Amino acid sequence: MPDQYVSFSAAWFTLSLINAGLAQGKGRRGFQWWLGSLFLGPFATLLIVAWPAVQPSEPAPEVMSRTQATIVGAVAVLVLLGIGALVLTRIGS
């Protein structure tokens, strides 16, 4: 593989990450713009810079309270620990 191809690919990928950050800064979805930038490259940068920022019509609703998030996190950790213990007992026997 030519070295020039590798550096071109690295530059294209880096530009897609920069575009994702620009899009998030303008209130757009960073992941979708990252995917689009992988295909559109500099044209996506032009679109992000030229289009005006998104103005939210109302604040985003809270998905879950802090207590609920803590409980979900604790349960996830306990489940992962249980799975890890099962795997270790299977390996040990």
Protein backbone atom coordinates (compact mmCIF):
# COMPACT_ATOMS: atom_id res chain seq x y z
CA MET A 1 0.00 0.00 0.00
CA PRO A 2 1.51 3.35 -0.96
CA ASP A 3 2.42 5.69 1.89
CA GLN A 4 0.52 8.54 0.23
CA TYR A 5 -2.72 6.52 0.39
CA VAL A 6 -2.30 5.99 4.13
CA SER A 7 -1.72 9.69 4.85
CA PHE A 8 -4.68 10.65 2.64
CA SER A 9 -6.93 8.21 4.52
CA ALA A 10 -5.72 9.50 7.86
CA ALA A 11 -6.40 13.09 6.81
CA TRP A 12 -9.89 12.18 5.54
CA PHE A 13 -10.72 10.37 8.81
CA THR A 14 -9.37 13.28 10.88
CA LEU A 15 -11.51 15.70 8.87
CA SER A 16 -14.57 13.56 9.59
CA LEU A 17 -13.87 13.79 13.34
CA ILE A 18 -13.45 17.56 13.09
CA ASN A 19 -16.74 17.77 11.18
CA ALA A 20 -18.50 15.82 13.93
CA GLY A 21 -17.26 18.35 16.49
CA LEU A 22 -18.32 21.27 14.31
CA ALA A 23 -21.76 19.76 13.85
CA GLN A 24 -22.22 19.25 17.59
CA GLY A 25 -21.15 22.83 18.19
CA LYS A 26 -23.95 23.95 15.88
CA GLY A 27 -26.56 21.80 17.63
CA ARG A 28 -26.62 19.00 15.08
CA ARG A 29 -26.06 15.27 15.58
CA GLY A 30 -22.34 14.61 15.62
CA PHE A 31 -22.47 10.88 14.90
CA GLN A 32 -24.61 11.29 11.81
CA TRP A 33 -22.36 14.05 10.50
CA TRP A 34 -19.30 11.92 11.21
CA LEU A 35 -20.74 9.09 9.11
CA GLY A 36 -21.70 11.51 6.36
CA SER A 37 -18.26 13.11 6.45
CA LEU A 38 -16.61 9.76 5.82
CA PHE A 39 -18.25 9.87 2.38
CA LEU A 40 -18.55 13.61 1.69
CA GLY A 41 -15.28 14.84 3.22
CA PRO A 42 -14.59 18.55 2.61
CA PHE A 43 -18.05 19.05 1.09
CA ALA A 44 -19.56 18.12 4.48
CA THR A 45 -17.32 20.72 6.13
CA LEU A 46 -18.66 23.34 3.74
CA LEU A 47 -22.24 22.36 4.55
CA ILE A 48 -21.69 22.45 8.30
CA VAL A 49 -20.01 25.85 8.19
CA ALA A 50 -22.51 27.39 5.73
CA TRP A 51 -25.72 26.22 7.39
CA PRO A 52 -26.95 28.18 10.41
CA ALA A 53 -26.93 26.64 13.87
CA VAL A 54 -30.00 24.76 15.05
CA GLN A 55 -32.04 26.63 17.64
CA PRO A 56 -33.82 24.23 20.03
CA SER A 57 -37.53 24.98 20.28
CA GLU A 58 -37.72 23.75 23.87
CA PRO A 59 -35.33 22.13 26.33
CA ALA A 60 -34.86 18.40 25.97
CA PRO A 61 -36.91 16.36 28.44
CA GLU A 62 -35.07 14.56 31.19
CA VAL A 63 -34.98 10.88 30.33
CA MET A 64 -34.46 9.59 33.84
CA SER A 65 -33.69 11.03 37.23
CA ARG A 66 -30.28 10.87 38.82
CA THR A 67 -31.46 8.22 41.28
CA GLN A 68 -32.79 6.02 38.48
CA ALA A 69 -29.54 6.37 36.58
CA THR A 70 -27.57 5.36 39.69
CA ILE A 71 -29.74 2.29 40.21
CA VAL A 72 -29.42 1.25 36.56
CA GLY A 73 -25.64 1.68 36.74
CA ALA A 74 -25.38 -0.33 39.95
CA VAL A 75 -27.47 -3.17 38.50
CA ALA A 76 -25.32 -3.17 35.34
CA VAL A 77 -22.14 -3.44 37.42
CA LEU A 78 -23.61 -6.29 39.49
CA VAL A 79 -24.67 -8.16 36.36
CA LEU A 80 -21.21 -7.77 34.84
CA LEU A 81 -19.59 -8.98 38.06
CA GLY A 82 -21.90 -12.00 38.12
CA ILE A 83 -21.07 -12.85 34.52
CA GLY A 84 -17.37 -12.45 35.26
CA ALA A 85 -17.66 -14.76 38.27
CA LEU A 86 -19.44 -17.39 36.17
CA VAL A 87 -16.77 -17.20 33.49
CA LEU A 88 -13.98 -17.51 36.06
CA THR A 89 -15.62 -20.57 37.68
CA ARG A 90 -15.99 -22.21 34.24
CA ILE A 91 -12.32 -21.54 33.48
CA GLY A 92 -11.22 -22.80 36.91
CA SER A 93 -13.07 -26.12 36.66
